Each structure stands twice: as structure tokens, then as C-alpha cells.
Amino acid sequence: MISVFSVEKAKQVSAVADAYERKQDVLLRVHSRDDTLFPGMEGGFYLDELEETANTISQLPGIRIVGVTTFPALSYHHEGAEPVATPNLDALIAAKKTLEGLGIEVTQVNAPGNNSCSTMEFLAERGVTHVEPGSALTGSSTFHLYRDDLPEDPAMVYLTEISHIWDRQAYVYGGGFFIDDPPVQMRETFQRKALVGSTPQQLLEQEAAFLGIGARGGGQFAAIDYHGILDPGDLRVSVGDTAIFAFRAQLFMTRAYAAVIEGLRHDAPRLVGVWDWSGHRVGGDLE
């Protein structure tokens, strides 16, 4: 599948596919004018323009419309930690009906955003056929911050170390931070922290406040995360100490490596392999 956001892109995809004598299946990204749109993630076709748009794209020789998608279909609702539909989800279902009314067979209704096992029934009942598993695969969705009864177990940490200490603050190597939950961080009761220490026991005992990345200051975000900044307070920390964070990660957006470990449940950990951000294995044979 290829998701298209414009008629122009649909024409480009069609031209390439047609040159190879293929039909490329595409999803149309759709929105109502009341939808939730994240900055930098805007784009797609408005519902009130969808019929005309779909008729135009359907005439292109190299592609076939097979479904619709949007983002985000679900929002995180703190009270009760239950999924709540965004207006986007209603728009998604309305778009499906519009396409079917034009005689287009819709085989995929794709509703990404805040998905986990606990949201599958909620979405399926509303006509959704596909989702993105996202951070639920590692038990690190926003829902997991507040609920211990979800079927996924947290299974991922971000591991780094203290690079240097400057003006009583500890700087840790960056390159893999992906923290996109400012609505959660802005809650007065929420303070993101990191475990810091030189031994396993010390790590479990020492929690340092996380001040942000990039530009110095609390809660700052930056395009390049050279370092993460910790406030160790009265904790005993030194250059080279390990720092462990727990947050959602999207490896394709970082320069960090992913190390997969098995056997932790049986106290027999084994490093399965190390991969770069694009999924290429590095380091050769580990056996």
C-alpha cells in the first residue's frame, strides 16, 4: 500500500507503476475540516472534496484506490485511561461510505494512532480493518503510563551513559530520544526521570530528573538530541555511569542502535542481535 495526500502525488505514483505495467494499491488520507491535526503531519483530502478527488484518481491507469486512512484516529484520555475517538475516526468511516457510493471496493480502513490490544475491539466495532501496532509492541504506549492491566508488558528501555557533568547537571549521550508527549509532561504531577548509577543496585535506587534535550532548560525539545540533560541533585553520579530512560521510541527517527535481548524472564539474558535505525543488522555473528 502507498498512502497518498494529493492528486499530484497520485499521478506520480501512477506514472511509475504504469511504466512497469503494474497497478499500485493506494490509500487516500482523508480528513474533515474539524479533525485533529498534529503540526507537521497535516495533509490529505477533505471530505467535502473527496468525491471529485476520488473520481479523478480513479481514472489514473497505474493505481487502484483500495482504502482510506487518517491520523490520529484515537486520542489518549487520561481519566480512566480509555481510548477516545477523535473526529478523524468519524471522517474515516464517512470517507469509506463516500468511496463505496462511487462504486469503489474499500478493503482497508486504516486507523493509526494510540493503538494497542485494548483498542482493537473499540476500533473494529466502528468498521476499522487495519491499525499500526506502534508502541504497543514494546508496551510503551501512553496508556501504559497509567494502566498496569494491559496485555502488553513494557519491554524496552533507552540505555545511555553520562558523557560529562557541567554546572551541576549531568549530560548523557543522545541520539535516540523520541519524547512526543508534551500533554502528559505538562501535567503538574508528572516528572520524567532516569535511573542513574554504576551498579545495578545503585541504578534501582537513584532517580534523576530529566530536564530535556538540546537547548538547556526544563522540557525543551530540539531537532538534534546531542545530549539529554539530567538534574542529579544530591545523587552520587559520575562520568561513565549508566542512565536508563523509559519512554516511547521510534527508531527510524534516531541514530541509535537497537539491541534485542531474550531470556530475561528466565534470568538467562542473551543478546540476539544489534540493528541500526533502518533495520540492518550490525556487528556480525554474536554466537
Protein backbone atom coordinates (compact mmCIF):
# COMPACT_ATOMS: atom_id res chain seq x y z
CA MET A 1 0.00 0.00 0.00
CA ILE A 2 1.00 3.60 -0.57
CA SER A 3 -0.83 6.42 1.18
CA VAL A 4 -1.31 9.49 -1.00
CA PHE A 5 -2.00 13.01 0.24
CA SER A 6 -2.58 14.79 -3.07
CA VAL A 7 -3.74 14.27 -6.63
CA GLU A 8 -0.28 15.31 -7.81
CA LYS A 9 1.40 12.52 -5.87
CA ALA A 10 -1.21 10.03 -7.05
CA LYS A 11 -0.35 10.98 -10.65
CA GLN A 12 3.36 10.43 -9.98
CA VAL A 13 2.77 7.03 -8.39
CA SER A 14 0.50 6.06 -11.27
CA ALA A 15 3.06 7.05 -13.89
CA VAL A 16 5.80 4.92 -12.33
CA ALA A 17 3.54 1.93 -11.76
CA ASP A 18 2.14 2.14 -15.29
CA ALA A 19 5.65 2.23 -16.72
CA TYR A 20 6.23 -1.15 -15.09
CA GLU A 21 2.80 -2.38 -16.22
CA ARG A 22 1.60 -2.62 -12.65
CA LYS A 23 -1.37 -1.46 -10.62
CA GLN A 24 -0.37 0.07 -7.31
CA ASP A 25 -2.91 -0.12 -4.47
CA VAL A 26 -3.27 3.20 -2.66
CA LEU A 27 -4.98 4.58 0.42
CA LEU A 28 -6.38 8.09 0.43
CA ARG A 29 -5.62 10.08 3.53
CA VAL A 30 -8.85 11.82 4.49
CA HIS A 31 -9.96 14.49 6.94
CA SER A 32 -12.96 16.53 7.89
CA ARG A 33 -12.39 20.22 8.49
CA ASP A 34 -12.83 19.62 12.23
CA ASP A 35 -10.19 16.90 12.52
CA THR A 36 -7.28 16.73 14.93
CA LEU A 37 -4.08 17.53 13.01
CA PHE A 38 -0.61 17.42 14.57
CA PRO A 39 1.85 20.14 13.47
CA GLY A 40 4.00 18.85 10.63
CA MET A 41 1.63 15.95 9.94
CA GLU A 42 -1.05 17.82 8.04
CA GLY A 43 -2.18 16.72 4.60
CA GLY A 44 -4.74 14.70 2.72
CA PHE A 45 -8.18 15.16 1.17
CA TYR A 46 -11.12 16.93 2.81
CA LEU A 47 -14.37 15.00 2.93
CA ASP A 48 -16.27 17.70 1.05
CA GLU A 49 -13.79 17.34 -1.84
CA LEU A 50 -13.40 13.56 -1.70
CA GLU A 51 -15.93 12.58 -4.36
CA GLU A 52 -14.35 14.80 -7.01
CA THR A 53 -10.86 13.77 -5.95
CA ALA A 54 -11.65 10.05 -6.00
CA ASN A 55 -13.19 10.30 -9.46
CA THR A 56 -10.03 11.98 -10.75
CA ILE A 57 -7.65 9.49 -9.15
CA SER A 58 -9.73 6.51 -10.26
CA GLN A 59 -9.06 7.43 -13.88
CA LEU A 60 -5.29 7.13 -13.46
CA PRO A 61 -4.02 3.97 -15.19
CA GLY A 62 -1.35 2.84 -12.73
CA ILE A 63 -3.14 2.88 -9.38
CA ARG A 64 -6.19 1.47 -7.69
CA ILE A 65 -7.94 3.05 -4.69
CA VAL A 66 -8.49 0.32 -2.10
CA GLY A 67 -8.98 2.21 1.14
CA VAL A 68 -8.70 5.22 3.40
CA THR A 69 -6.51 6.28 6.28
CA THR A 70 -6.14 9.18 8.71
CA PHE A 71 -4.10 10.21 11.72
CA PRO A 72 -4.68 10.13 14.64
CA ALA A 73 -7.86 8.09 14.93
CA LEU A 74 -7.68 7.81 18.73
CA SER A 75 -6.73 10.26 21.42
CA TYR A 76 -5.36 9.48 24.84
CA HIS A 77 -7.94 10.19 27.53
CA HIS A 78 -6.34 10.27 30.97
CA GLU A 79 -9.45 9.86 33.09
CA GLY A 80 -9.88 6.09 33.14
CA ALA A 81 -7.09 5.66 30.60
CA GLU A 82 -9.57 4.60 27.94
CA PRO A 83 -9.40 5.22 24.18
CA VAL A 84 -11.46 8.07 22.82
CA ALA A 85 -12.26 8.54 19.13
CA THR A 86 -11.05 11.73 17.50
CA PRO A 87 -13.20 13.44 14.83
CA ASN A 88 -10.77 11.82 12.38
CA LEU A 89 -12.27 8.40 13.03
CA ASP A 90 -15.76 9.60 12.13
CA ALA A 91 -14.31 11.20 9.00
CA LEU A 92 -12.59 7.94 8.11
CA ILE A 93 -15.83 5.96 8.21
CA ALA A 94 -17.67 8.68 6.29
CA ALA A 95 -14.95 8.59 3.63
CA LYS A 96 -15.36 4.83 3.26
CA LYS A 97 -19.08 5.28 2.60
CA THR A 98 -18.37 8.01 0.06
CA LEU A 99 -15.99 5.78 -1.90
CA GLU A 100 -18.38 2.85 -1.78
CA GLY A 101 -21.09 5.13 -3.13
CA LEU A 102 -18.82 5.73 -6.13
CA GLY A 103 -18.56 2.00 -6.75
CA ILE A 104 -15.05 1.67 -5.26
CA GLU A 105 -14.44 -1.52 -3.28
CA VAL A 106 -12.91 -0.46 0.03
CA THR A 107 -10.88 -3.30 1.54
CA GLN A 108 -8.83 -1.30 4.04
CA VAL A 109 -9.95 1.21 6.65
CA ASN A 110 -6.67 2.11 8.34
CA ALA A 111 -6.84 3.90 11.71
CA PRO A 112 -3.39 4.52 13.24
CA GLY A 113 -2.58 6.33 16.44
CA ASN A 114 -2.50 5.16 20.09
CA ASN A 115 -3.29 1.55 19.16
CA SER A 116 -2.88 -1.41 21.50
CA CYS A 117 -4.66 -4.69 22.17
CA SER A 118 -7.10 -2.82 24.41
CA THR A 119 -8.29 -0.66 21.49
CA MET A 120 -8.85 -3.41 18.90
CA GLU A 121 -12.48 -4.14 19.76
CA PHE A 122 -13.27 -0.44 20.06
CA LEU A 123 -11.98 0.17 16.52
CA ALA A 124 -13.34 -2.99 14.92
CA GLU A 125 -16.86 -2.20 16.12
CA ARG A 126 -16.64 1.08 14.22
CA GLY A 127 -15.56 -0.52 10.95
CA VAL A 128 -11.78 -0.30 11.14
CA THR A 129 -9.88 -3.11 9.41
CA HIS A 130 -6.22 -2.15 9.91
CA VAL A 131 -4.14 -0.35 12.54
CA GLU A 132 -0.49 0.28 13.27
CA PRO A 133 0.75 -1.70 16.29
CA GLY A 134 3.14 1.10 17.15
CA SER A 135 4.49 1.37 20.67
CA ALA A 136 2.13 -1.30 21.98
CA LEU A 137 4.59 -3.90 20.63
CA THR A 138 7.01 -2.87 23.37
CA GLY A 139 4.41 -1.98 25.98
CA SER A 140 5.35 1.68 25.83
CA SER A 141 2.20 3.43 24.63
CA THR A 142 0.83 6.40 26.55
CA PHE A 143 -1.82 4.11 28.05
CA HIS A 144 0.95 2.11 29.74
CA LEU A 145 1.92 5.14 31.81
CA TYR A 146 -1.25 4.76 33.85
CA ARG A 147 -2.52 1.20 33.46
CA ASP A 148 -0.91 -1.99 34.75
CA ASP A 149 -3.63 -4.31 33.44
CA LEU A 150 -2.88 -4.03 29.72
CA PRO A 151 -1.91 -7.26 27.92
CA GLU A 152 1.40 -5.85 26.67
CA ASP A 153 4.30 -5.79 29.12
CA PRO A 154 6.78 -2.90 28.97
CA ALA A 155 9.73 -4.39 27.11
CA MET A 156 12.01 -1.56 26.10
CA VAL A 157 14.40 0.89 27.71
CA TYR A 158 16.67 3.58 26.34
CA LEU A 159 20.21 2.94 27.56
CA THR A 160 22.95 5.55 27.54
CA GLU A 161 25.63 6.94 29.88
CA ILE A 162 26.79 10.17 31.41
CA SER A 163 29.04 11.99 28.98
CA HIS A 164 30.04 14.86 31.25
CA ILE A 165 28.92 17.00 34.15
CA TRP A 166 28.61 20.73 33.73
CA ASP A 167 27.36 23.28 36.23
CA ARG A 168 25.92 20.55 38.50
CA GLN A 169 23.94 18.97 35.65
CA ALA A 170 24.67 15.58 34.11
CA TYR A 171 24.70 15.32 30.32
CA VAL A 172 24.04 11.92 28.77
CA TYR A 173 24.70 10.83 25.20
CA GLY A 174 21.70 11.36 22.95
CA GLY A 175 20.91 10.05 19.52
CA GLY A 176 17.78 8.11 20.30
CA PHE A 177 15.44 10.31 22.30
CA PHE A 178 11.89 10.41 20.98
CA ILE A 179 9.62 12.04 23.51
CA ASP A 180 6.42 13.33 21.96
CA ASP A 181 4.04 13.50 24.89
CA PRO A 182 4.07 17.18 25.99
CA PRO A 183 0.39 16.95 27.06
CA VAL A 184 1.44 14.35 29.62
CA GLN A 185 4.59 16.19 30.61
CA MET A 186 2.66 19.40 31.21
CA ARG A 187 0.65 17.76 33.98
CA GLU A 188 1.81 19.24 37.27
CA THR A 189 2.13 15.80 38.85
CA PHE A 190 4.29 14.35 36.07
CA GLN A 191 8.09 14.45 36.13
CA ARG A 192 10.07 12.34 33.70
CA LYS A 193 13.12 10.76 35.33
CA ALA A 194 16.04 8.48 34.55
CA LEU A 195 17.72 5.76 36.60
CA VAL A 196 21.42 6.57 37.06
CA GLY A 197 24.26 4.60 38.59
CA SER A 198 27.38 2.50 38.19
CA THR A 199 25.92 -0.77 39.57
CA PRO A 200 22.54 -2.49 39.14
CA GLN A 201 21.64 -1.83 42.76
CA GLN A 202 22.58 1.84 42.54
CA LEU A 203 20.54 2.19 39.35
CA LEU A 204 17.44 0.95 41.12
CA GLU A 205 17.94 3.42 43.97
CA GLN A 206 18.79 6.64 42.10
CA GLU A 207 16.28 8.64 40.05
CA ALA A 208 17.42 11.87 38.44
CA ALA A 209 15.00 14.43 36.99
CA PHE A 210 15.12 14.72 33.20
CA LEU A 211 15.33 18.37 32.11
CA GLY A 212 15.09 17.91 28.37
CA ILE A 213 17.29 17.78 25.30
CA GLY A 214 19.03 20.26 23.06
CA ALA A 215 18.77 23.83 24.31
CA ARG A 216 19.40 23.95 28.02
CA GLY A 217 16.33 24.19 30.18
CA GLY A 218 13.44 22.17 31.50
CA GLY A 219 11.24 20.42 28.99
CA GLN A 220 12.98 21.76 25.91
CA PHE A 221 12.76 19.91 22.60
CA ALA A 222 15.25 20.13 19.76
CA ALA A 223 15.75 18.71 16.29
CA ILE A 224 19.11 17.13 17.17
CA ASP A 225 19.42 15.44 20.55
CA TYR A 226 23.16 15.62 21.08
CA HIS A 227 22.64 15.19 24.80
CA GLY A 228 19.94 14.60 27.34
CA ILE A 229 20.19 16.72 30.48
CA LEU A 230 19.64 15.40 34.00
CA ASP A 231 19.47 17.14 37.35
CA PRO A 232 21.13 14.68 39.73
CA GLY A 233 20.58 16.84 42.81
CA ASP A 234 22.32 15.11 45.73
CA LEU A 235 22.70 11.77 43.93
CA ARG A 236 26.11 10.17 43.50
CA VAL A 237 26.79 10.27 39.77
CA SER A 238 29.99 10.18 37.74
CA VAL A 239 31.09 10.35 34.14
CA GLY A 240 30.55 6.94 32.58
CA ASP A 241 27.62 5.99 34.81
CA THR A 242 24.73 4.22 33.11
CA ALA A 243 21.47 6.11 32.54
CA ILE A 244 18.21 4.30 31.76
CA PHE A 245 15.08 6.00 30.42
CA ALA A 246 11.65 4.52 29.76
CA PHE A 247 9.71 6.25 27.03
CA ARG A 248 8.26 5.65 23.61
CA ALA A 249 10.84 5.29 20.87
CA GLN A 250 10.67 5.39 17.11
CA LEU A 251 13.97 4.02 15.93
CA PHE A 252 13.63 5.17 12.35
CA MET A 253 13.85 8.74 13.61
CA THR A 254 17.10 8.29 15.54
CA ARG A 255 20.72 7.39 15.08
CA ALA A 256 20.66 4.96 18.00
CA TYR A 257 21.09 1.20 17.72
CA ALA A 258 18.52 -1.35 18.86
CA ALA A 259 19.76 -4.32 20.88
CA VAL A 260 17.32 -7.22 21.16
CA ILE A 261 17.64 -9.37 24.29
CA GLU A 262 15.81 -12.59 25.09
CA GLY A 263 15.61 -14.75 28.21
CA LEU A 264 15.09 -12.00 30.77
CA ARG A 265 12.02 -13.73 32.20
CA HIS A 266 14.12 -16.80 32.92
CA ASP A 267 17.16 -14.94 34.27
CA ALA A 268 19.16 -16.11 31.26
CA PRO A 269 19.58 -12.98 29.13
CA ARG A 270 21.12 -13.39 25.69
CA LEU A 271 21.89 -10.69 23.14
CA VAL A 272 20.08 -11.76 19.97
CA GLY A 273 21.48 -9.01 17.78
CA VAL A 274 22.03 -5.32 17.20
CA TRP A 275 20.32 -3.35 14.43
CA ASP A 276 20.67 0.18 13.10
CA TRP A 277 17.80 2.63 12.67
CA SER A 278 16.83 1.21 9.28
CA GLY A 279 16.72 -2.42 10.42
CA HIS A 280 20.12 -3.54 9.12
CA ARG A 281 21.92 -5.94 11.42
CA VAL A 282 25.31 -4.74 12.62
CA GLY A 283 28.17 -6.38 14.47
CA GLY A 284 28.22 -9.72 12.64
CA ASP A 285 27.61 -13.10 14.24
CA LEU A 286 27.15 -12.89 18.01
CA GLU A 287 27.26 -16.63 18.72
